Amino acid sequence: MTTGDLEGTSGWPRAERRPWLVVLFVGLAVMFVNATSGVIEGAGDHWIEPVLWEATSAIIIVGLAPFVGYGMRQWPPRADNMPAFALIHFGLTIPFALAHITFIFVTREAAYWAFGARYGFFDDGVAITLLYEWRKDVLVYAAVAATYWVFRYIAERHQAALSPPTDDRIEVRDGGAVLFLAPADITHVEAAGNYVEFHTAAKTHLVRGTLASWEARLTARGFLRVHRSRLVNRTKIGALRPTPSGDVEISLTDGRTLIGSRRYRALLAGSDPT
């Protein structure tokens, strides 16, 4: 399996560059439409005002887009964790909005000062202005986040489809090397930020990707999700023991011990070797 759709030759992953370019294009289009509408409708005292308003807003939104993409990589949507996903990203709209508001306030105030004019951004009150801008930024954040998610989803599905169905081995890229791992050699797989760790008895291989995309491929090869950040090879489970907290202690056949979440106890019950 290659990572051509996820990695670019310049070092900037295509899965991150492409959605950013979409945000840039849409941002420029929205800026043009809103600015020209403001000029035609006579918004502000001079034609330069609507252009300044829209340009400063578009610049910071495009600049913040990679950070939204980073947030989506760190906390992607999953069927088993949607409440946490929604709460985390709803919370992230606050620093997003504050960064947006701070930038447009500073740049617009500076521009007005340079022309000997007064902007008066907070004339209606600080709280009202912040609330007004934040509610708009919630929608902007959601649109940017959705753009990154769609591109990542398409890239991961394409990546998974490149694996030959007749070859049971799993092809991974570990650094600059292409490795072929037999499913029987893999004890467990864990999420590690923007990467996934493939654990074998001899070594741990760090591969760029998400656990969700690998789960779709590994389930058919006998792997179970036992935790939101962990898959385990069913054949490597030696014993299961409940913990006082309701989770499950998983003893592997090589002597290592992992923790399984109570959420996945039903799946693990079918793999209990006792």
C-alpha atoms as a PDB file:
ATOM      1  CA  MET A   1       0.000   0.000   0.000  1.00  0.00           C
ATOM      2  CA  THR A   2       1.441   3.351  -0.940  1.00  0.00           C
ATOM      3  CA  THR A   3       0.804   6.656   0.753  1.00  0.00           C
ATOM      4  CA  GLY A   4       0.791   8.723  -2.402  1.00  0.00           C
ATOM      5  CA  ASP A   5      -2.513  10.337  -1.555  1.00  0.00           C
ATOM      6  CA  LEU A   6      -1.394  11.261   1.924  1.00  0.00           C
ATOM      7  CA  GLU A   7       2.165  12.442   1.275  1.00  0.00           C
ATOM      8  CA  GLY A   8       3.369  15.126  -1.066  1.00  0.00           C
ATOM      9  CA  THR A   9       6.851  15.389  -2.564  1.00  0.00           C
ATOM     10  CA  SER A  10       7.374  18.764  -0.888  1.00  0.00           C
ATOM     11  CA  GLY A  11       6.909  17.347   2.621  1.00  0.00           C
ATOM     12  CA  TRP A  12       3.437  18.835   3.034  1.00  0.00           C
ATOM     13  CA  PRO A  13       0.953  15.923   2.976  1.00  0.00           C
ATOM     14  CA  ARG A  14      -1.509  16.146   0.105  1.00  0.00           C
ATOM     15  CA  ALA A  15      -4.288  15.237   2.528  1.00  0.00           C
ATOM     16  CA  GLU A  16      -3.569  18.572   4.266  1.00  0.00           C
ATOM     17  CA  ARG A  17      -2.596  20.694   1.246  1.00  0.00           C
ATOM     18  CA  ARG A  18      -5.661  19.944  -0.851  1.00  0.00           C
ATOM     19  CA  PRO A  19      -8.314  20.950   1.695  1.00  0.00           C
ATOM     20  CA  TRP A  20      -6.302  24.090   2.499  1.00  0.00           C
ATOM     21  CA  LEU A  21      -6.339  25.052  -1.172  1.00  0.00           C
ATOM     22  CA  VAL A  22     -10.117  24.562  -1.211  1.00  0.00           C
ATOM     23  CA  VAL A  23     -10.450  26.806   1.848  1.00  0.00           C
ATOM     24  CA  LEU A  24      -8.215  29.370   0.143  1.00  0.00           C
ATOM     25  CA  PHE A  25     -10.257  29.311  -3.063  1.00  0.00           C
ATOM     26  CA  VAL A  26     -13.595  29.519  -1.251  1.00  0.00           C
ATOM     27  CA  GLY A  27     -12.248  32.254   1.027  1.00  0.00           C
ATOM     28  CA  LEU A  28     -11.150  34.349  -1.935  1.00  0.00           C
ATOM     29  CA  ALA A  29     -14.497  33.822  -3.649  1.00  0.00           C
ATOM     30  CA  VAL A  30     -16.462  34.820  -0.550  1.00  0.00           C
ATOM     31  CA  MET A  31     -14.206  37.823  -0.015  1.00  0.00           C
ATOM     32  CA  PHE A  32     -14.744  38.988  -3.604  1.00  0.00           C
ATOM     33  CA  VAL A  33     -18.520  38.567  -3.477  1.00  0.00           C
ATOM     34  CA  ASN A  34     -18.950  40.236  -0.095  1.00  0.00           C
ATOM     35  CA  ALA A  35     -16.510  43.055  -0.820  1.00  0.00           C
ATOM     36  CA  THR A  36     -18.042  43.914  -4.191  1.00  0.00           C
ATOM     37  CA  SER A  37     -21.514  43.695  -2.684  1.00  0.00           C
ATOM     38  CA  GLY A  38     -20.430  46.122   0.009  1.00  0.00           C
ATOM     39  CA  VAL A  39     -19.006  48.517  -2.560  1.00  0.00           C
ATOM     40  CA  ILE A  40     -22.158  48.373  -4.687  1.00  0.00           C
ATOM     41  CA  GLU A  41     -24.433  48.814  -1.664  1.00  0.00           C
ATOM     42  CA  GLY A  42     -22.307  51.640  -0.307  1.00  0.00           C
ATOM     43  CA  ALA A  43     -21.271  49.954   2.961  1.00  0.00           C
ATOM     44  CA  GLY A  44     -18.900  52.159   4.948  1.00  0.00           C
ATOM     45  CA  ASP A  45     -17.776  55.673   4.089  1.00  0.00           C
ATOM     46  CA  HIS A  46     -15.351  54.619   1.351  1.00  0.00           C
ATOM     47  CA  TRP A  47     -15.144  51.711  -1.082  1.00  0.00           C
ATOM     48  CA  ILE A  48     -11.931  50.575   0.574  1.00  0.00           C
ATOM     49  CA  GLU A  49     -13.754  49.771   3.820  1.00  0.00           C
ATOM     50  CA  PRO A  50     -15.689  46.688   2.667  1.00  0.00           C
ATOM     51  CA  VAL A  51     -12.568  45.476   0.867  1.00  0.00           C
ATOM     52  CA  LEU A  52     -10.539  45.877   4.065  1.00  0.00           C
ATOM     53  CA  TRP A  53     -13.191  44.171   6.186  1.00  0.00           C
ATOM     54  CA  GLU A  54     -13.479  41.128   3.929  1.00  0.00           C
ATOM     55  CA  ALA A  55      -9.762  40.810   3.172  1.00  0.00           C
ATOM     56  CA  THR A  56      -8.696  40.843   6.826  1.00  0.00           C
ATOM     57  CA  SER A  57     -11.316  38.247   7.709  1.00  0.00           C
ATOM     58  CA  ALA A  58     -10.402  35.967   4.795  1.00  0.00           C
ATOM     59  CA  ILE A  59      -6.664  36.154   5.536  1.00  0.00           C
ATOM     60  CA  ILE A  60      -6.971  34.965   9.115  1.00  0.00           C
ATOM     61  CA  ILE A  61      -9.519  32.242   8.306  1.00  0.00           C
ATOM     62  CA  VAL A  62      -7.252  30.797   5.616  1.00  0.00           C
ATOM     63  CA  GLY A  63      -4.319  31.105   8.008  1.00  0.00           C
ATOM     64  CA  LEU A  64      -6.179  29.257  10.766  1.00  0.00           C
ATOM     65  CA  ALA A  65      -7.387  26.460   8.467  1.00  0.00           C
ATOM     66  CA  PRO A  66      -4.329  24.184   9.029  1.00  0.00           C
ATOM     67  CA  PHE A  67      -4.922  24.366  12.778  1.00  0.00           C
ATOM     68  CA  VAL A  68      -8.505  23.237  12.250  1.00  0.00           C
ATOM     69  CA  GLY A  69      -7.155  20.397  10.124  1.00  0.00           C
ATOM     70  CA  TYR A  70      -4.753  19.480  12.927  1.00  0.00           C
ATOM     71  CA  GLY A  71      -7.671  19.375  15.344  1.00  0.00           C
ATOM     72  CA  MET A  72      -9.548  17.037  13.020  1.00  0.00           C
ATOM     73  CA  ARG A  73      -6.550  14.713  12.838  1.00  0.00           C
ATOM     74  CA  GLN A  74      -6.126  14.681  16.594  1.00  0.00           C
ATOM     75  CA  TRP A  75      -9.831  14.245  17.380  1.00  0.00           C
ATOM     76  CA  PRO A  76     -11.499  12.702  14.311  1.00  0.00           C
ATOM     77  CA  PRO A  77     -15.173  11.767  14.267  1.00  0.00           C
ATOM     78  CA  ARG A  78     -15.855   8.145  15.219  1.00  0.00           C
ATOM     79  CA  ALA A  79     -19.136   6.340  15.591  1.00  0.00           C
ATOM     80  CA  ASP A  80     -18.238   5.316  19.142  1.00  0.00           C
ATOM     81  CA  ASN A  81     -17.153   8.775  20.299  1.00  0.00           C
ATOM     82  CA  MET A  82     -19.386  11.383  18.664  1.00  0.00           C
ATOM     83  CA  PRO A  83     -20.363  13.206  21.910  1.00  0.00           C
ATOM     84  CA  ALA A  84     -16.703  13.765  22.813  1.00  0.00           C
ATOM     85  CA  PHE A  85     -15.894  14.755  19.228  1.00  0.00           C
ATOM     86  CA  ALA A  86     -18.691  17.349  19.183  1.00  0.00           C
ATOM     87  CA  LEU A  87     -17.756  18.729  22.596  1.00  0.00           C
ATOM     88  CA  ILE A  88     -14.046  19.042  21.783  1.00  0.00           C
ATOM     89  CA  HIS A  89     -14.573  20.805  18.483  1.00  0.00           C
ATOM     90  CA  PHE A  90     -17.299  23.033  19.871  1.00  0.00           C
ATOM     91  CA  GLY A  91     -14.769  24.095  22.489  1.00  0.00           C
ATOM     92  CA  LEU A  92     -12.140  24.719  19.805  1.00  0.00           C
ATOM     93  CA  THR A  93     -14.431  27.265  18.158  1.00  0.00           C
ATOM     94  CA  ILE A  94     -13.660  29.608  21.071  1.00  0.00           C
ATOM     95  CA  PRO A  95      -9.882  29.991  20.469  1.00  0.00           C
ATOM     96  CA  PHE A  96     -10.618  29.980  16.729  1.00  0.00           C
ATOM     97  CA  ALA A  97     -13.009  32.903  17.139  1.00  0.00           C
ATOM     98  CA  LEU A  98     -10.690  34.760  19.521  1.00  0.00           C
ATOM     99  CA  ALA A  99      -7.806  34.482  17.054  1.00  0.00           C
ATOM    100  CA  HIS A 100     -10.080  35.662  14.243  1.00  0.00           C
ATOM    101  CA  ILE A 101     -11.450  38.594  16.240  1.00  0.00           C
ATOM    102  CA  THR A 102      -8.039  39.668  17.530  1.00  0.00           C
ATOM    103  CA  PHE A 103      -6.538  39.675  14.054  1.00  0.00           C
ATOM    104  CA  ILE A 104      -9.302  41.637  12.370  1.00  0.00           C
ATOM    105  CA  PHE A 105      -9.447  44.108  15.272  1.00  0.00           C
ATOM    106  CA  VAL A 106      -5.712  44.820  15.217  1.00  0.00           C
ATOM    107  CA  THR A 107      -5.346  44.998  11.432  1.00  0.00           C
ATOM    108  CA  ARG A 108      -8.442  47.092  10.877  1.00  0.00           C
ATOM    109  CA  GLU A 109      -7.638  49.489  13.719  1.00  0.00           C
ATOM    110  CA  ALA A 110      -4.126  49.906  12.289  1.00  0.00           C
ATOM    111  CA  ALA A 111      -5.482  50.575   8.804  1.00  0.00           C
ATOM    112  CA  TYR A 112      -8.015  53.111  10.036  1.00  0.00           C
ATOM    113  CA  TRP A 113      -5.350  54.808  12.150  1.00  0.00           C
ATOM    114  CA  ALA A 114      -3.074  55.043   9.091  1.00  0.00           C
ATOM    115  CA  PHE A 115      -5.858  56.895   7.239  1.00  0.00           C
ATOM    116  CA  GLY A 116      -6.580  59.129  10.203  1.00  0.00           C
ATOM    117  CA  ALA A 117      -9.967  57.525  10.853  1.00  0.00           C
ATOM    118  CA  ARG A 118     -11.596  55.631  13.690  1.00  0.00           C
ATOM    119  CA  TYR A 119     -12.891  52.062  13.372  1.00  0.00           C
ATOM    120  CA  GLY A 120     -14.956  51.572  16.542  1.00  0.00           C
ATOM    121  CA  PHE A 121     -15.063  47.777  16.444  1.00  0.00           C
ATOM    122  CA  PHE A 122     -16.414  47.463  19.989  1.00  0.00           C
ATOM    123  CA  ASP A 123     -18.782  50.445  19.937  1.00  0.00           C
ATOM    124  CA  ASP A 124     -21.775  48.161  20.541  1.00  0.00           C
ATOM    125  CA  GLY A 125     -20.101  46.611  23.582  1.00  0.00           C
ATOM    126  CA  VAL A 126     -17.368  44.013  23.959  1.00  0.00           C
ATOM    127  CA  ALA A 127     -19.659  41.149  24.988  1.00  0.00           C
ATOM    128  CA  ILE A 128     -22.174  41.740  22.185  1.00  0.00           C
ATOM    129  CA  THR A 129     -19.419  42.037  19.582  1.00  0.00           C
ATOM    130  CA  LEU A 130     -17.679  38.861  20.760  1.00  0.00           C
ATOM    131  CA  LEU A 131     -20.928  36.909  20.757  1.00  0.00           C
ATOM    132  CA  TYR A 132     -21.865  38.244  17.329  1.00  0.00           C
ATOM    133  CA  GLU A 133     -18.513  37.251  15.811  1.00  0.00           C
ATOM    134  CA  TRP A 134     -18.291  33.902  17.633  1.00  0.00           C
ATOM    135  CA  ARG A 135     -21.646  32.624  16.381  1.00  0.00           C
ATOM    136  CA  LYS A 136     -20.497  33.255  12.805  1.00  0.00           C
ATOM    137  CA  ASP A 137     -17.127  31.657  13.461  1.00  0.00           C
ATOM    138  CA  VAL A 138     -18.819  28.472  14.713  1.00  0.00           C
ATOM    139  CA  LEU A 139     -20.225  27.989  11.209  1.00  0.00           C
ATOM    140  CA  VAL A 140     -16.915  28.883   9.579  1.00  0.00           C
ATOM    141  CA  TYR A 141     -15.055  26.405  11.795  1.00  0.00           C
ATOM    142  CA  ALA A 142     -17.581  23.686  10.976  1.00  0.00           C
ATOM    143  CA  ALA A 143     -17.214  24.302   7.238  1.00  0.00           C
ATOM    144  CA  VAL A 144     -13.405  24.212   7.368  1.00  0.00           C
ATOM    145  CA  ALA A 145     -13.417  21.095   9.584  1.00  0.00           C
ATOM    146  CA  ALA A 146     -15.836  19.333   7.229  1.00  0.00           C
ATOM    147  CA  THR A 147     -13.589  20.157   4.276  1.00  0.00           C
ATOM    148  CA  TYR A 148     -10.576  18.554   5.960  1.00  0.00           C
ATOM    149  CA  TRP A 149     -12.605  15.522   7.028  1.00  0.00           C
ATOM    150  CA  VAL A 150     -13.953  14.874   3.518  1.00  0.00           C
ATOM    151  CA  PHE A 151     -10.497  14.984   1.955  1.00  0.00           C
ATOM    152  CA  ARG A 152      -9.034  12.768   4.674  1.00  0.00           C
ATOM    153  CA  TYR A 153     -11.867  10.276   4.346  1.00  0.00           C
ATOM    154  CA  ILE A 154     -11.442  10.027   0.563  1.00  0.00           C
ATOM    155  CA  ALA A 155      -7.649   9.658   0.840  1.00  0.00           C
ATOM    156  CA  GLU A 156      -7.877   6.923   3.473  1.00  0.00           C
ATOM    157  CA  ARG A 157     -10.450   4.937   1.524  1.00  0.00           C
ATOM    158  CA  HIS A 158      -8.325   5.214  -1.604  1.00  0.00           C
ATOM    159  CA  GLN A 159      -5.277   4.159   0.382  1.00  0.00           C
ATOM    160  CA  ALA A 160      -7.045   1.098   1.738  1.00  0.00           C
ATOM    161  CA  ALA A 161      -8.272   0.123  -1.725  1.00  0.00           C
ATOM    162  CA  LEU A 162      -4.690  -0.092  -3.040  1.00  0.00           C
ATOM    163  CA  SER A 163      -3.973  -3.226  -1.009  1.00  0.00           C
ATOM    164  CA  PRO A 164      -4.145  -6.330  -3.264  1.00  0.00           C
ATOM    165  CA  PRO A 165      -7.035  -8.521  -2.043  1.00  0.00           C
ATOM    166  CA  THR A 166      -5.134 -11.736  -2.916  1.00  0.00           C
ATOM    167  CA  ASP A 167      -2.204 -10.914  -0.641  1.00  0.00           C
ATOM    168  CA  ASP A 168      -2.900 -11.495   3.042  1.00  0.00           C
ATOM    169  CA  ARG A 169       0.153  -9.526   4.081  1.00  0.00           C
ATOM    170  CA  ILE A 170      -0.217  -5.934   5.210  1.00  0.00           C
ATOM    171  CA  GLU A 171       1.896  -3.424   3.332  1.00  0.00           C
ATOM    172  CA  VAL A 172       3.033  -0.472   5.442  1.00  0.00           C
ATOM    173  CA  ARG A 173       5.527   2.345   5.092  1.00  0.00           C
ATOM    174  CA  ASP A 174       7.825   2.767   8.072  1.00  0.00           C
ATOM    175  CA  GLY A 175       9.951   5.817   7.386  1.00  0.00           C
ATOM    176  CA  GLY A 176      11.411   5.320   3.918  1.00  0.00           C
ATOM    177  CA  ALA A 177      11.010   1.544   3.914  1.00  0.00           C
ATOM    178  CA  VAL A 178       8.113  -0.502   2.543  1.00  0.00           C
ATOM    179  CA  LEU A 179       7.369  -3.474   4.798  1.00  0.00           C
ATOM    180  CA  PHE A 180       5.103  -6.496   4.383  1.00  0.00           C
ATOM    181  CA  LEU A 181       3.763  -7.705   7.713  1.00  0.00           C
ATOM    182  CA  ALA A 182       1.906 -10.975   8.137  1.00  0.00           C
ATOM    183  CA  PRO A 183      -1.217 -10.464  10.272  1.00  0.00           C
ATOM    184  CA  ALA A 184      -0.135 -13.377  12.460  1.00  0.00           C
ATOM    185  CA  ASP A 185       3.036 -11.456  13.399  1.00  0.00           C
ATOM    186  CA  ILE A 186       1.153  -8.389  14.648  1.00  0.00           C
ATOM    187  CA  THR A 187       0.067  -8.491  18.284  1.00  0.00           C
ATOM    188  CA  HIS A 188      -1.765  -5.173  18.467  1.00  0.00           C
ATOM    189  CA  VAL A 189      -2.158  -1.795  16.777  1.00  0.00           C
ATOM    190  CA  GLU A 190      -2.375   1.542  18.580  1.00  0.00           C
ATOM    191  CA  ALA A 191      -3.115   5.141  17.623  1.00  0.00           C
ATOM    192  CA  ALA A 192      -0.234   7.564  18.172  1.00  0.00           C
ATOM    193  CA  GLY A 193      -1.283  11.074  17.179  1.00  0.00           C
ATOM    194  CA  ASN A 194      -1.083  11.328  13.390  1.00  0.00           C
ATOM    195  CA  TYR A 195       0.394   7.844  13.211  1.00  0.00           C
ATOM    196  CA  VAL A 196      -0.460   4.227  13.974  1.00  0.00           C
ATOM    197  CA  GLU A 197       1.884   1.854  15.797  1.00  0.00           C
ATOM    198  CA  PHE A 198       2.039  -1.754  14.561  1.00  0.00           C
ATOM    199  CA  HIS A 199       3.429  -3.911  17.377  1.00  0.00           C
ATOM    200  CA  THR A 200       5.143  -7.201  16.632  1.00  0.00           C
ATOM    201  CA  ALA A 201       7.255  -9.396  18.911  1.00  0.00           C
ATOM    202  CA  ALA A 202      10.434  -7.953  17.409  1.00  0.00           C
ATOM    203  CA  LYS A 203       9.668  -4.289  16.714  1.00  0.00           C
ATOM    204  CA  THR A 204       7.147  -1.472  16.655  1.00  0.00           C
ATOM    205  CA  HIS A 205       6.506   0.112  13.253  1.00  0.00           C
ATOM    206  CA  LEU A 206       5.254   3.717  13.141  1.00  0.00           C
ATOM    207  CA  VAL A 207       3.005   4.370  10.139  1.00  0.00           C
ATOM    208  CA  ARG A 208       1.210   7.584   9.159  1.00  0.00           C
ATOM    209  CA  GLY A 209      -2.580   7.200   9.179  1.00  0.00           C
ATOM    210  CA  THR A 210      -5.544   6.839  11.495  1.00  0.00           C
ATOM    211  CA  LEU A 211      -6.684   3.862  13.496  1.00  0.00           C
ATOM    212  CA  ALA A 212     -10.154   4.085  11.967  1.00  0.00           C
ATOM    213  CA  SER A 213      -8.852   3.583   8.436  1.00  0.00           C
ATOM    214  CA  TRP A 214      -6.729   0.607   9.494  1.00  0.00           C
ATOM    215  CA  GLU A 215      -9.564  -0.937  11.474  1.00  0.00           C
ATOM    216  CA  ALA A 216     -11.603  -1.246   8.274  1.00  0.00           C
ATOM    217  CA  ARG A 217      -8.829  -3.416   6.798  1.00  0.00           C
ATOM    218  CA  LEU A 218      -7.753  -5.339   9.869  1.00  0.00           C
ATOM    219  CA  THR A 219     -11.167  -6.463  11.107  1.00  0.00           C
ATOM    220  CA  ALA A 220     -11.340  -9.029   8.314  1.00  0.00           C
ATOM    221  CA  ARG A 221      -7.915 -10.302   9.401  1.00  0.00           C
ATOM    222  CA  GLY A 222      -9.016 -11.128  12.929  1.00  0.00           C
ATOM    223  CA  PHE A 223      -8.357  -7.869  14.775  1.00  0.00           C
ATOM    224  CA  LEU A 224     -10.743  -6.496  17.416  1.00  0.00           C
ATOM    225  CA  ARG A 225     -11.160  -2.972  18.681  1.00  0.00           C
ATOM    226  CA  VAL A 226     -10.675  -3.159  22.431  1.00  0.00           C
ATOM    227  CA  HIS A 227     -10.184   0.530  23.138  1.00  0.00           C
ATOM    228  CA  ARG A 228     -10.805   3.786  21.297  1.00  0.00           C
ATOM    229  CA  SER A 229      -7.073   3.893  20.497  1.00  0.00           C
ATOM    230  CA  ARG A 230      -6.246   0.187  20.258  1.00  0.00           C
ATOM    231  CA  LEU A 231      -6.856  -2.938  18.133  1.00  0.00           C
ATOM    232  CA  VAL A 232      -5.741  -6.419  19.209  1.00  0.00           C
ATOM    233  CA  ASN A 233      -5.079  -9.544  17.180  1.00  0.00           C
ATOM    234  CA  ARG A 234      -7.686 -12.047  18.378  1.00  0.00           C
ATOM    235  CA  THR A 235      -5.216 -14.939  18.109  1.00  0.00           C
ATOM    236  CA  LYS A 236      -2.748 -13.171  20.416  1.00  0.00           C
ATOM    237  CA  ILE A 237      -5.157 -12.923  23.373  1.00  0.00           C
ATOM    238  CA  GLY A 238      -4.091 -15.282  26.155  1.00  0.00           C
ATOM    239  CA  ALA A 239      -6.408 -14.251  28.986  1.00  0.00           C
ATOM    240  CA  LEU A 240      -9.011 -11.659  29.941  1.00  0.00           C
ATOM    241  CA  ARG A 241      -9.524 -10.342  33.450  1.00  0.00           C
ATOM    242  CA  PRO A 242     -12.056  -7.741  34.550  1.00  0.00           C
ATOM    243  CA  THR A 243     -10.740  -4.761  36.495  1.00  0.00           C
ATOM    244  CA  PRO A 244     -12.488  -3.001  39.419  1.00  0.00           C
ATOM    245  CA  SER A 245     -13.202  -0.030  37.129  1.00  0.00           C
ATOM    246  CA  GLY A 246     -15.171  -2.212  34.712  1.00  0.00           C
ATOM    247  CA  ASP A 247     -12.460  -2.319  32.036  1.00  0.00           C
ATOM    248  CA  VAL A 248     -10.704  -5.498  30.891  1.00  0.00           C
ATOM    249  CA  GLU A 249      -7.092  -6.501  31.399  1.00  0.00           C
ATOM    250  CA  ILE A 250      -5.890  -8.297  28.267  1.00  0.00           C
ATOM    251  CA  SER A 251      -2.918 -10.631  28.619  1.00  0.00           C
ATOM    252  CA  LEU A 252      -1.245 -11.356  25.301  1.00  0.00           C
ATOM    253  CA  THR A 253       0.464 -14.633  24.470  1.00  0.00           C
ATOM    254  CA  ASP A 254       3.868 -12.897  24.471  1.00  0.00           C
ATOM    255  CA  GLY A 255       3.433 -11.776  28.090  1.00  0.00           C
ATOM    256  CA  ARG A 256       2.446  -8.168  27.463  1.00  0.00           C
ATOM    257  CA  THR A 257      -0.647  -6.720  29.112  1.00  0.00           C
ATOM    258  CA  LEU A 258      -3.075  -4.222  27.623  1.00  0.00           C
ATOM    259  CA  ILE A 259      -6.224  -2.537  28.860  1.00  0.00           C
ATOM    260  CA  GLY A 260      -9.503  -2.890  27.014  1.00  0.00           C
ATOM    261  CA  SER A 261     -12.333  -0.426  27.500  1.00  0.00           C
ATOM    262  CA  ARG A 262     -15.602  -1.536  29.086  1.00  0.00           C
ATOM    263  CA  ARG A 263     -17.301  -0.271  25.941  1.00  0.00           C
ATOM    264  CA  TYR A 264     -15.871  -3.185  23.973  1.00  0.00           C
ATOM    265  CA  ARG A 265     -16.369  -5.950  26.541  1.00  0.00           C
ATOM    266  CA  ALA A 266     -19.123  -7.535  24.443  1.00  0.00           C
ATOM    267  CA  LEU A 267     -16.702  -8.002  21.533  1.00  0.00           C
ATOM    268  CA  LEU A 268     -14.004  -9.311  23.822  1.00  0.00           C
ATOM    269  CA  ALA A 269     -16.385 -11.810  25.425  1.00  0.00           C
ATOM    270  CA  GLY A 270     -16.448 -13.735  22.171  1.00  0.00           C
ATOM    271  CA  SER A 271     -12.656 -13.965  22.290  1.00  0.00           C
ATOM    272  CA  ASP A 272     -12.315 -15.148  25.889  1.00  0.00           C
ATOM    273  CA  PRO A 273      -9.938 -18.117  25.747  1.00  0.00           C
ATOM    274  CA  THR A 274     -11.168 -19.511  29.051  1.00  0.00           C
END
